[in-house]
Amino acid sequence: FTISRDNARTTAYLEMKNLKPEDTAVYYCNLWDSRIPYDYWGQGT
């Protein structure tokens, strides 16, 4: 797996390769910053 964001910092990504049955799950994104601050969660995919 590889985590990343675009150059403009508007979208986050998770690249997943060589997936295994054990990877089956609902995946959630968490965007946060302790300084601004904010802490947001997605609904899952």
All heavy atoms as atom14 arrays in JSON, in Angstrom:
{
  "sequence": "FTISRDNARTTAYLEMKNLKPEDTAVYYCNLWDSRIPYDYWGQGT",
  "atom14_mask": [
    [1, 1, 1, 1, 1, 1, 1, 1, 1, 1, 1, 0, 0, 0],
    [1, 1, 1, 1, 1, 1, 1, 0, 0, 0, 0, 0, 0, 0],
    [1, 1, 1, 1, 1, 1, 1, 1, 0, 0, 0, 0, 0, 0],
    [1, 1, 1, 1, 1, 1, 0, 0, 0, 0, 0, 0, 0, 0],
    [1, 1, 1, 1, 1, 1, 1, 1, 1, 1, 1, 0, 0, 0],
    [1, 1, 1, 1, 1, 1, 1, 1, 0, 0, 0, 0, 0, 0],
    [1, 1, 1, 1, 1, 1, 1, 1, 0, 0, 0, 0, 0, 0],
    [1, 1, 1, 1, 1, 0, 0, 0, 0, 0, 0, 0, 0, 0],
    [1, 1, 1, 1, 1, 1, 1, 1, 1, 1, 1, 0, 0, 0],
    [1, 1, 1, 1, 1, 1, 1, 0, 0, 0, 0, 0, 0, 0],
    [1, 1, 1, 1, 1, 1, 1, 0, 0, 0, 0, 0, 0, 0],
    [1, 1, 1, 1, 1, 0, 0, 0, 0, 0, 0, 0, 0, 0],
    [1, 1, 1, 1, 1, 1, 1, 1, 1, 1, 1, 1, 0, 0],
    [1, 1, 1, 1, 1, 1, 1, 1, 0, 0, 0, 0, 0, 0],
    [1, 1, 1, 1, 1, 1, 1, 1, 1, 0, 0, 0, 0, 0],
    [1, 1, 1, 1, 1, 1, 1, 1, 0, 0, 0, 0, 0, 0],
    [1, 1, 1, 1, 1, 1, 1, 1, 1, 0, 0, 0, 0, 0],
    [1, 1, 1, 1, 1, 1, 1, 1, 0, 0, 0, 0, 0, 0],
    [1, 1, 1, 1, 1, 1, 1, 1, 0, 0, 0, 0, 0, 0],
    [1, 1, 1, 1, 1, 1, 1, 1, 1, 0, 0, 0, 0, 0],
    [1, 1, 1, 1, 1, 1, 1, 0, 0, 0, 0, 0, 0, 0],
    [1, 1, 1, 1, 1, 1, 1, 1, 1, 0, 0, 0, 0, 0],
    [1, 1, 1, 1, 1, 1, 1, 1, 0, 0, 0, 0, 0, 0],
    [1, 1, 1, 1, 1, 1, 1, 0, 0, 0, 0, 0, 0, 0],
    [1, 1, 1, 1, 1, 0, 0, 0, 0, 0, 0, 0, 0, 0],
    [1, 1, 1, 1, 1, 1, 1, 0, 0, 0, 0, 0, 0, 0],
    [1, 1, 1, 1, 1, 1, 1, 1, 1, 1, 1, 1, 0, 0],
    [1, 1, 1, 1, 1, 1, 1, 1, 1, 1, 1, 1, 0, 0],
    [1, 1, 1, 1, 1, 1, 0, 0, 0, 0, 0, 0, 0, 0],
    [1, 1, 1, 1, 1, 1, 1, 1, 0, 0, 0, 0, 0, 0],
    [1, 1, 1, 1, 1, 1, 1, 1, 0, 0, 0, 0, 0, 0],
    [1, 1, 1, 1, 1, 1, 1, 1, 1, 1, 1, 1, 1, 1],
    [1, 1, 1, 1, 1, 1, 1, 1, 0, 0, 0, 0, 0, 0],
    [1, 1, 1, 1, 1, 1, 0, 0, 0, 0, 0, 0, 0, 0],
    [1, 1, 1, 1, 1, 1, 1, 1, 1, 1, 1, 0, 0, 0],
    [1, 1, 1, 1, 1, 1, 1, 1, 0, 0, 0, 0, 0, 0],
    [1, 1, 1, 1, 1, 1, 1, 0, 0, 0, 0, 0, 0, 0],
    [1, 1, 1, 1, 1, 1, 1, 1, 1, 1, 1, 1, 0, 0],
    [1, 1, 1, 1, 1, 1, 1, 1, 0, 0, 0, 0, 0, 0],
    [1, 1, 1, 1, 1, 1, 1, 1, 1, 1, 1, 1, 0, 0],
    [1, 1, 1, 1, 1, 1, 1, 1, 1, 1, 1, 1, 1, 1],
    [1, 1, 1, 1, 0, 0, 0, 0, 0, 0, 0, 0, 0, 0],
    [1, 1, 1, 1, 1, 1, 1, 1, 1, 0, 0, 0, 0, 0],
    [1, 1, 1, 1, 0, 0, 0, 0, 0, 0, 0, 0, 0, 0],
    [1, 1, 1, 1, 1, 1, 1, 0, 0, 0, 0, 0, 0, 0]
  ],
  "atom14_positions": [
    [[0.84, -1.2, 0.0], [0.0, 0.0, 0.0], [0.87, 1.25, 0.0], [1.97, 1.26, 0.58], [-0.89, 0.04, 1.24], [-2.01, -0.97, 1.26], [-2.03, -2.06, 0.39], [-3.04, -0.83, 2.17], [-3.05, -2.98, 0.42], [-4.07, -1.75, 2.21], [-4.07, -2.83, 1.35], [0.0, 0.0, 0.0], [0.0, 0.0, 0.0], [0.0, 0.0, 0.0]],
    [[0.38, 2.3, -0.64], [1.07, 3.58, -0.66], [0.07, 4.7, -0.39], [-0.93, 4.82, -1.09], [1.76, 3.84, -2.0], [2.68, 2.78, -2.28], [2.52, 5.16, -1.96], [0.0, 0.0, 0.0], [0.0, 0.0, 0.0], [0.0, 0.0, 0.0], [0.0, 0.0, 0.0], [0.0, 0.0, 0.0], [0.0, 0.0, 0.0], [0.0, 0.0, 0.0]],
    [[0.36, 5.51, 0.61], [-0.49, 6.65, 0.94], [0.1, 7.91, 0.32], [1.32, 8.07, 0.25], [-0.62, 6.79, 2.47], [-1.65, 7.86, 2.84], [0.73, 7.08, 3.12], [-1.97, 7.9, 4.33], [0.0, 0.0, 0.0], [0.0, 0.0, 0.0], [0.0, 0.0, 0.0], [0.0, 0.0, 0.0], [0.0, 0.0, 0.0], [0.0, 0.0, 0.0]],
    [[-0.77, 8.81, -0.15], [-0.29, 10.02, -0.8], [-1.39, 11.07, -0.83], [-2.53, 10.81, -0.44], [0.19, 9.73, -2.22], [-0.88, 9.3, -3.04], [0.0, 0.0, 0.0], [0.0, 0.0, 0.0], [0.0, 0.0, 0.0], [0.0, 0.0, 0.0], [0.0, 0.0, 0.0], [0.0, 0.0, 0.0], [0.0, 0.0, 0.0], [0.0, 0.0, 0.0]],
    [[-1.04, 12.26, -1.28], [-1.99, 13.32, -1.55], [-1.54, 14.05, -2.81], [-0.37, 13.98, -3.19], [-2.12, 14.3, -0.38], [-0.8, 14.92, 0.04], [-0.98, 15.93, 1.17], [0.27, 16.05, 1.91], [0.45, 15.68, 3.16], [-0.58, 15.18, 3.85], [1.62, 15.83, 3.74], [0.0, 0.0, 0.0], [0.0, 0.0, 0.0], [0.0, 0.0, 0.0]],
    [[-2.46, 14.75, -3.46], [-2.09, 15.47, -4.66], [-1.3, 16.72, -4.29], [-1.24, 17.13, -3.13], [-3.32, 15.79, -5.53], [-4.31, 16.72, -4.84], [-4.05, 17.16, -3.71], [-5.35, 17.0, -5.46], [0.0, 0.0, 0.0], [0.0, 0.0, 0.0], [0.0, 0.0, 0.0], [0.0, 0.0, 0.0], [0.0, 0.0, 0.0], [0.0, 0.0, 0.0]],
    [[-0.71, 17.34, -5.3], [0.17, 18.48, -5.06], [-0.56, 19.67, -4.46], [0.02, 20.44, -3.69], [0.86, 18.9, -6.36], [1.87, 17.88, -6.84], [2.42, 17.13, -6.06], [2.11, 17.87, -8.14], [0.0, 0.0, 0.0], [0.0, 0.0, 0.0], [0.0, 0.0, 0.0], [0.0, 0.0, 0.0], [0.0, 0.0, 0.0], [0.0, 0.0, 0.0]],
    [[-1.83, 19.83, -4.81], [-2.63, 20.92, -4.28], [-3.19, 20.61, -2.91], [-3.82, 21.47, -2.3], [-3.76, 21.24, -5.25], [0.0, 0.0, 0.0], [0.0, 0.0, 0.0], [0.0, 0.0, 0.0], [0.0, 0.0, 0.0], [0.0, 0.0, 0.0], [0.0, 0.0, 0.0], [0.0, 0.0, 0.0], [0.0, 0.0, 0.0], [0.0, 0.0, 0.0]],
    [[-2.98, 19.41, -2.44], [-3.47, 18.96, -1.14], [-4.98, 19.06, -1.02], [-5.52, 19.47, 0.01], [-2.78, 19.71, -0.01], [-1.29, 19.48, 0.06], [-0.72, 19.88, 1.39], [0.7, 19.53, 1.5], [1.38, 19.5, 2.63], [0.77, 19.79, 3.78], [2.67, 19.19, 2.62], [0.0, 0.0, 0.0], [0.0, 0.0, 0.0], [0.0, 0.0, 0.0]],
    [[-5.66, 18.66, -2.09], [-7.12, 18.64, -2.1], [-7.7, 17.24, -2.06], [-8.89, 17.09, -1.81], [-7.67, 19.37, -3.33], [-7.16, 18.76, -4.52], [-7.25, 20.84, -3.32], [0.0, 0.0, 0.0], [0.0, 0.0, 0.0], [0.0, 0.0, 0.0], [0.0, 0.0, 0.0], [0.0, 0.0, 0.0], [0.0, 0.0, 0.0], [0.0, 0.0, 0.0]],
    [[-6.88, 16.24, -2.33], [-7.34, 14.86, -2.35], [-6.28, 13.94, -1.76], [-5.09, 14.1, -2.04], [-7.65, 14.39, -3.79], [-8.55, 15.31, -4.4], [-8.29, 13.01, -3.77], [0.0, 0.0, 0.0], [0.0, 0.0, 0.0], [0.0, 0.0, 0.0], [0.0, 0.0, 0.0], [0.0, 0.0, 0.0], [0.0, 0.0, 0.0], [0.0, 0.0, 0.0]],
    [[-6.71, 13.0, -0.95], [-5.83, 11.98, -0.41], [-6.06, 10.66, -1.13], [-7.15, 10.4, -1.65], [-6.07, 11.81, 1.09], [0.0, 0.0, 0.0], [0.0, 0.0, 0.0], [0.0, 0.0, 0.0], [0.0, 0.0, 0.0], [0.0, 0.0, 0.0], [0.0, 0.0, 0.0], [0.0, 0.0, 0.0], [0.0, 0.0, 0.0], [0.0, 0.0, 0.0]],
    [[-5.03, 9.81, -1.15], [-5.11, 8.55, -1.87], [-4.53, 7.41, -1.05], [-3.69, 7.6, -0.18], [-4.35, 8.62, -3.2], [-4.82, 9.7, -4.13], [-4.15, 10.92, -4.2], [-5.93, 9.5, -4.95], [-4.58, 11.92, -5.05], [-6.36, 10.49, -5.8], [-5.69, 11.7, -5.85], [-6.12, 12.68, -6.7], [0.0, 0.0, 0.0], [0.0, 0.0, 0.0]],
    [[-4.99, 6.21, -1.37], [-4.38, 4.99, -0.89], [-4.29, 4.03, -2.06], [-5.3, 3.5, -2.52], [-5.18, 4.36, 0.25], [-4.55, 3.12, 0.87], [-3.25, 3.51, 1.62], [-5.51, 2.43, 1.82], [0.0, 0.0, 0.0], [0.0, 0.0, 0.0], [0.0, 0.0, 0.0], [0.0, 0.0, 0.0], [0.0, 0.0, 0.0], [0.0, 0.0, 0.0]],
    [[-3.07, 3.85, -2.57], [-2.83, 2.88, -3.63], [-2.62, 1.51, -3.0], [-1.79, 1.36, -2.1], [-1.59, 3.28, -4.44], [-1.66, 4.64, -5.1], [-2.32, 4.59, -6.46], [-2.75, 3.5, -6.89], [-2.4, 5.66, -7.1], [0.0, 0.0, 0.0], [0.0, 0.0, 0.0], [0.0, 0.0, 0.0], [0.0, 0.0, 0.0], [0.0, 0.0, 0.0]],
    [[-3.36, 0.53, -3.47], [-3.29, -0.81, -2.93], [-2.97, -1.79, -4.05], [-3.68, -1.84, -5.04], [-4.61, -1.2, -2.25], [-5.06, -0.21, -1.18], [-6.57, -0.74, -0.34], [-7.74, -0.63, -1.7], [0.0, 0.0, 0.0], [0.0, 0.0, 0.0], [0.0, 0.0, 0.0], [0.0, 0.0, 0.0], [0.0, 0.0, 0.0], [0.0, 0.0, 0.0]],
    [[-1.91, -2.54, -3.89], [-1.55, -3.56, -4.87], [-1.36, -4.9, -4.18], [-1.2, -4.96, -2.96], [-0.29, -3.15, -5.63], [0.96, -3.03, -4.77], [2.16, -2.63, -5.6], [3.42, -2.54, -4.75], [4.61, -2.15, -5.56], [0.0, 0.0, 0.0], [0.0, 0.0, 0.0], [0.0, 0.0, 0.0], [0.0, 0.0, 0.0], [0.0, 0.0, 0.0]],
    [[-1.34, -5.95, -4.98], [-1.23, -7.3, -4.46], [-2.21, -7.52, -3.31], [-1.84, -8.02, -2.24], [0.21, -7.59, -4.01], [0.46, -9.06, -3.74], [-0.25, -9.92, -4.26], [1.45, -9.35, -2.91], [0.0, 0.0, 0.0], [0.0, 0.0, 0.0], [0.0, 0.0, 0.0], [0.0, 0.0, 0.0], [0.0, 0.0, 0.0], [0.0, 0.0, 0.0]],
    [[-3.44, -7.17, -3.55], [-4.46, -7.3, -2.52], [-4.71, -8.75, -2.17], [-4.65, -9.64, -3.02], [-5.75, -6.64, -2.99], [-5.75, -5.11, -2.91], [-6.84, -4.52, -3.79], [-5.93, -4.66, -1.46], [0.0, 0.0, 0.0], [0.0, 0.0, 0.0], [0.0, 0.0, 0.0], [0.0, 0.0, 0.0], [0.0, 0.0, 0.0], [0.0, 0.0, 0.0]],
    [[-4.99, -8.97, -0.91], [-5.24, -10.3, -0.39], [-6.65, -10.36, 0.2], [-7.21, -9.34, 0.57], [-4.22, -10.65, 0.69], [-2.77, -10.51, 0.26], [-1.83, -10.73, 1.42], [-0.38, -10.57, 1.0], [0.54, -10.77, 2.15], [0.0, 0.0, 0.0], [0.0, 0.0, 0.0], [0.0, 0.0, 0.0], [0.0, 0.0, 0.0], [0.0, 0.0, 0.0]],
    [[-7.2, -11.56, 0.32], [-8.53, -11.68, 0.95], [-8.58, -11.06, 2.34], [-9.63, -10.54, 2.74], [-8.75, -13.19, 1.0], [-8.0, -13.71, -0.16], [-6.76, -12.85, -0.23], [0.0, 0.0, 0.0], [0.0, 0.0, 0.0], [0.0, 0.0, 0.0], [0.0, 0.0, 0.0], [0.0, 0.0, 0.0], [0.0, 0.0, 0.0], [0.0, 0.0, 0.0]],
    [[-7.47, -11.09, 3.06], [-7.4, -10.5, 4.39], [-7.56, -8.98, 4.37], [-7.78, -8.38, 5.41], [-6.07, -10.84, 5.07], [-5.71, -12.32, 5.04], [-4.86, -12.67, 3.84], [-3.62, -12.53, 3.92], [-5.44, -13.09, 2.82], [0.0, 0.0, 0.0], [0.0, 0.0, 0.0], [0.0, 0.0, 0.0], [0.0, 0.0, 0.0], [0.0, 0.0, 0.0]],
    [[-7.42, -8.37, 3.2], [-7.59, -6.93, 3.06], [-9.06, -6.52, 2.92], [-9.36, -5.33, 2.92], [-6.82, -6.4, 1.86], [-5.32, -6.59, 1.99], [-4.78, -6.34, 3.09], [-4.69, -7.0, 1.0], [0.0, 0.0, 0.0], [0.0, 0.0, 0.0], [0.0, 0.0, 0.0], [0.0, 0.0, 0.0], [0.0, 0.0, 0.0], [0.0, 0.0, 0.0]],
    [[-9.93, -7.48, 2.79], [-11.35, -7.19, 2.66], [-11.85, -6.44, 3.89], [-11.7, -6.92, 5.02], [-12.17, -8.48, 2.48], [-11.82, -9.08, 1.23], [-13.66, -8.19, 2.48], [0.0, 0.0, 0.0], [0.0, 0.0, 0.0], [0.0, 0.0, 0.0], [0.0, 0.0, 0.0], [0.0, 0.0, 0.0], [0.0, 0.0, 0.0], [0.0, 0.0, 0.0]],
    [[-12.42, -5.26, 3.67], [-12.86, -4.42, 4.77], [-13.51, -3.16, 4.21], [-13.43, -2.89, 3.0], [-11.69, -4.03, 5.67], [0.0, 0.0, 0.0], [0.0, 0.0, 0.0], [0.0, 0.0, 0.0], [0.0, 0.0, 0.0], [0.0, 0.0, 0.0], [0.0, 0.0, 0.0], [0.0, 0.0, 0.0], [0.0, 0.0, 0.0], [0.0, 0.0, 0.0]],
    [[-14.14, -2.41, 5.08], [-14.55, -1.05, 4.76], [-13.38, -0.14, 5.12], [-12.87, -0.19, 6.23], [-15.81, -0.63, 5.52], [-16.16, 0.83, 5.22], [-16.97, -1.53, 5.14], [0.0, 0.0, 0.0], [0.0, 0.0, 0.0], [0.0, 0.0, 0.0], [0.0, 0.0, 0.0], [0.0, 0.0, 0.0], [0.0, 0.0, 0.0], [0.0, 0.0, 0.0]],
    [[-12.96, 0.67, 4.16], [-11.81, 1.56, 4.36], [-12.28, 2.98, 4.62], [-13.14, 3.51, 3.91], [-10.9, 1.51, 3.14], [-10.06, 0.27, 3.1], [-10.63, -0.96, 2.8], [-8.69, 0.31, 3.37], [-9.87, -2.12, 2.79], [-7.92, -0.84, 3.35], [-8.51, -2.04, 3.06], [-7.75, -3.19, 3.05], [0.0, 0.0, 0.0], [0.0, 0.0, 0.0]],
    [[-11.67, 3.6, 5.63], [-12.05, 4.94, 6.07], [-10.88, 5.9, 5.96], [-9.74, 5.55, 6.27], [-12.52, 4.91, 7.52], [-13.75, 4.07, 7.77], [-13.64, 2.72, 8.07], [-15.02, 4.63, 7.68], [-14.76, 1.95, 8.3], [-16.15, 3.86, 7.91], [-16.01, 2.52, 8.22], [-17.13, 1.75, 8.44], [0.0, 0.0, 0.0], [0.0, 0.0, 0.0]],
    [[-11.19, 7.11, 5.58], [-10.21, 8.18, 5.47], [-10.38, 9.15, 6.63], [-11.5, 9.55, 6.96], [-10.39, 8.9, 4.14], [-9.36, 10.37, 3.93], [0.0, 0.0, 0.0], [0.0, 0.0, 0.0], [0.0, 0.0, 0.0], [0.0, 0.0, 0.0], [0.0, 0.0, 0.0], [0.0, 0.0, 0.0], [0.0, 0.0, 0.0], [0.0, 0.0, 0.0]],
    [[-9.28, 9.53, 7.24], [-9.26, 10.49, 8.33], [-8.35, 11.65, 7.95], [-7.17, 11.45, 7.69], [-8.78, 9.82, 9.62], [-8.61, 10.78, 10.78], [-7.64, 10.69, 11.53], [-9.56, 11.68, 10.95], [0.0, 0.0, 0.0], [0.0, 0.0, 0.0], [0.0, 0.0, 0.0], [0.0, 0.0, 0.0], [0.0, 0.0, 0.0], [0.0, 0.0, 0.0]],
    [[-8.9, 12.84, 7.91], [-8.15, 14.05, 7.6], [-8.11, 14.92, 8.85], [-9.15, 15.26, 9.39], [-8.79, 14.81, 6.45], [-9.06, 14.01, 5.17], [-9.75, 14.9, 4.13], [-7.77, 13.45, 4.61], [0.0, 0.0, 0.0], [0.0, 0.0, 0.0], [0.0, 0.0, 0.0], [0.0, 0.0, 0.0], [0.0, 0.0, 0.0], [0.0, 0.0, 0.0]],
    [[-6.9, 15.28, 9.26], [-6.79, 16.01, 10.52], [-5.57, 16.9, 10.57], [-4.64, 16.77, 9.77], [-6.76, 15.03, 11.7], [-5.53, 14.16, 11.73], [-5.32, 13.0, 11.04], [-4.35, 14.37, 12.49], [-4.08, 12.49, 11.32], [-3.46, 13.31, 12.21], [-3.95, 15.36, 13.4], [-2.2, 13.22, 12.79], [-2.69, 15.27, 13.97], [-1.84, 14.2, 13.67]],
    [[-5.58, 17.8, 11.53], [-4.45, 18.66, 11.82], [-4.62, 19.17, 13.23], [-5.66, 19.74, 13.56], [-4.35, 19.83, 10.83], [-3.05, 20.59, 10.95], [-2.8, 21.21, 12.0], [-2.26, 20.58, 9.98], [0.0, 0.0, 0.0], [0.0, 0.0, 0.0], [0.0, 0.0, 0.0], [0.0, 0.0, 0.0], [0.0, 0.0, 0.0], [0.0, 0.0, 0.0]],
    [[-3.61, 18.96, 14.05], [-3.69, 19.35, 15.45], [-3.43, 20.83, 15.68], [-3.66, 21.33, 16.78], [-2.7, 18.52, 16.28], [-1.37, 18.77, 15.87], [0.0, 0.0, 0.0], [0.0, 0.0, 0.0], [0.0, 0.0, 0.0], [0.0, 0.0, 0.0], [0.0, 0.0, 0.0], [0.0, 0.0, 0.0], [0.0, 0.0, 0.0], [0.0, 0.0, 0.0]],
    [[-2.95, 21.52, 14.67], [-2.6, 22.93, 14.82], [-3.7, 23.88, 14.37], [-3.89, 24.92, 14.99], [-1.31, 23.23, 14.05], [-0.09, 22.52, 14.61], [1.17, 22.93, 13.88], [2.36, 22.32, 14.48], [3.6, 22.54, 14.08], [3.83, 23.36, 13.07], [4.61, 21.94, 14.68], [0.0, 0.0, 0.0], [0.0, 0.0, 0.0], [0.0, 0.0, 0.0]],
    [[-4.41, 23.52, 13.3], [-5.44, 24.44, 12.77], [-6.6, 24.69, 13.74], [-6.92, 25.87, 13.96], [-5.93, 23.97, 11.39], [-4.77, 24.07, 10.4], [-7.11, 24.83, 10.91], [-5.11, 23.66, 8.99], [0.0, 0.0, 0.0], [0.0, 0.0, 0.0], [0.0, 0.0, 0.0], [0.0, 0.0, 0.0], [0.0, 0.0, 0.0], [0.0, 0.0, 0.0]],
    [[-7.23, 23.71, 14.36], [-7.19, 22.25, 14.17], [-8.44, 21.72, 13.47], [-9.43, 22.45, 13.35], [-7.15, 21.74, 15.61], [-8.05, 22.7, 16.34], [-7.89, 24.04, 15.62], [0.0, 0.0, 0.0], [0.0, 0.0, 0.0], [0.0, 0.0, 0.0], [0.0, 0.0, 0.0], [0.0, 0.0, 0.0], [0.0, 0.0, 0.0], [0.0, 0.0, 0.0]],
    [[-8.39, 20.49, 13.01], [-9.57, 19.81, 12.51], [-9.36, 18.3, 12.55], [-8.23, 17.83, 12.68], [-9.94, 20.26, 11.08], [-8.88, 19.99, 10.03], [-8.73, 18.74, 9.46], [-8.06, 21.02, 9.58], [-7.77, 18.51, 8.49], [-7.1, 20.8, 8.61], [-6.95, 19.54, 8.07], [-6.01, 19.32, 7.1], [0.0, 0.0, 0.0], [0.0, 0.0, 0.0]],
    [[-10.45, 17.55, 12.46], [-10.4, 16.09, 12.53], [-11.68, 15.56, 11.88], [-12.74, 15.56, 12.51], [-10.28, 15.63, 13.98], [-10.09, 14.14, 14.12], [-9.97, 13.43, 13.11], [-10.07, 13.67, 15.28], [0.0, 0.0, 0.0], [0.0, 0.0, 0.0], [0.0, 0.0, 0.0], [0.0, 0.0, 0.0], [0.0, 0.0, 0.0], [0.0, 0.0, 0.0]],
    [[-11.57, 15.1, 10.64], [-12.73, 14.68, 9.88], [-12.58, 13.25, 9.39], [-11.49, 12.82, 9.03], [-12.96, 15.6, 8.68], [-13.17, 17.04, 9.05], [-12.22, 18.0, 8.73], [-14.31, 17.45, 9.73], [-12.4, 19.33, 9.08], [-14.5, 18.77, 10.09], [-13.54, 19.71, 9.75], [-13.73, 21.02, 10.1], [0.0, 0.0, 0.0], [0.0, 0.0, 0.0]],
    [[-13.7, 12.54, 9.37], [-13.74, 11.14, 8.94], [-14.73, 10.95, 7.8], [-15.78, 11.59, 7.77], [-14.16, 10.23, 10.1], [-13.13, 10.08, 11.15], [-12.87, 10.92, 12.19], [-12.21, 8.99, 11.28], [-11.85, 10.43, 12.95], [-11.43, 9.25, 12.43], [-11.98, 7.82, 10.56], [-10.43, 8.38, 12.85], [-10.99, 6.95, 10.98], [-10.22, 7.24, 12.11]],
    [[-14.39, 10.06, 6.89], [-15.29, 9.7, 5.81], [-16.25, 8.61, 6.24], [-16.16, 8.06, 7.35], [0.0, 0.0, 0.0], [0.0, 0.0, 0.0], [0.0, 0.0, 0.0], [0.0, 0.0, 0.0], [0.0, 0.0, 0.0], [0.0, 0.0, 0.0], [0.0, 0.0, 0.0], [0.0, 0.0, 0.0], [0.0, 0.0, 0.0], [0.0, 0.0, 0.0]],
    [[-17.17, 8.28, 5.35], [-18.2, 7.28, 5.65], [-17.76, 5.85, 5.34], [-18.42, 4.9, 5.72], [-19.48, 7.6, 4.87], [-19.5, 7.12, 3.42], [-18.52, 7.83, 2.51], [-18.01, 8.9, 2.83], [-18.25, 7.23, 1.35], [0.0, 0.0, 0.0], [0.0, 0.0, 0.0], [0.0, 0.0, 0.0], [0.0, 0.0, 0.0], [0.0, 0.0, 0.0]],
    [[-16.66, 5.71, 4.63], [-16.12, 4.41, 4.31], [-16.45, 3.95, 2.9], [-17.48, 4.31, 2.33], [0.0, 0.0, 0.0], [0.0, 0.0, 0.0], [0.0, 0.0, 0.0], [0.0, 0.0, 0.0], [0.0, 0.0, 0.0], [0.0, 0.0, 0.0], [0.0, 0.0, 0.0], [0.0, 0.0, 0.0], [0.0, 0.0, 0.0], [0.0, 0.0, 0.0]],
    [[-15.57, 3.14, 2.33], [-15.79, 2.52, 1.04], [-15.39, 1.04, 1.12], [-14.38, 0.7, 1.71], [-15.01, 3.24, -0.09], [-15.35, 2.68, -1.36], [-13.5, 3.13, 0.11], [0.0, 0.0, 0.0], [0.0, 0.0, 0.0], [0.0, 0.0, 0.0], [0.0, 0.0, 0.0], [0.0, 0.0, 0.0], [0.0, 0.0, 0.0], [0.0, 0.0, 0.0]]
  ]
}
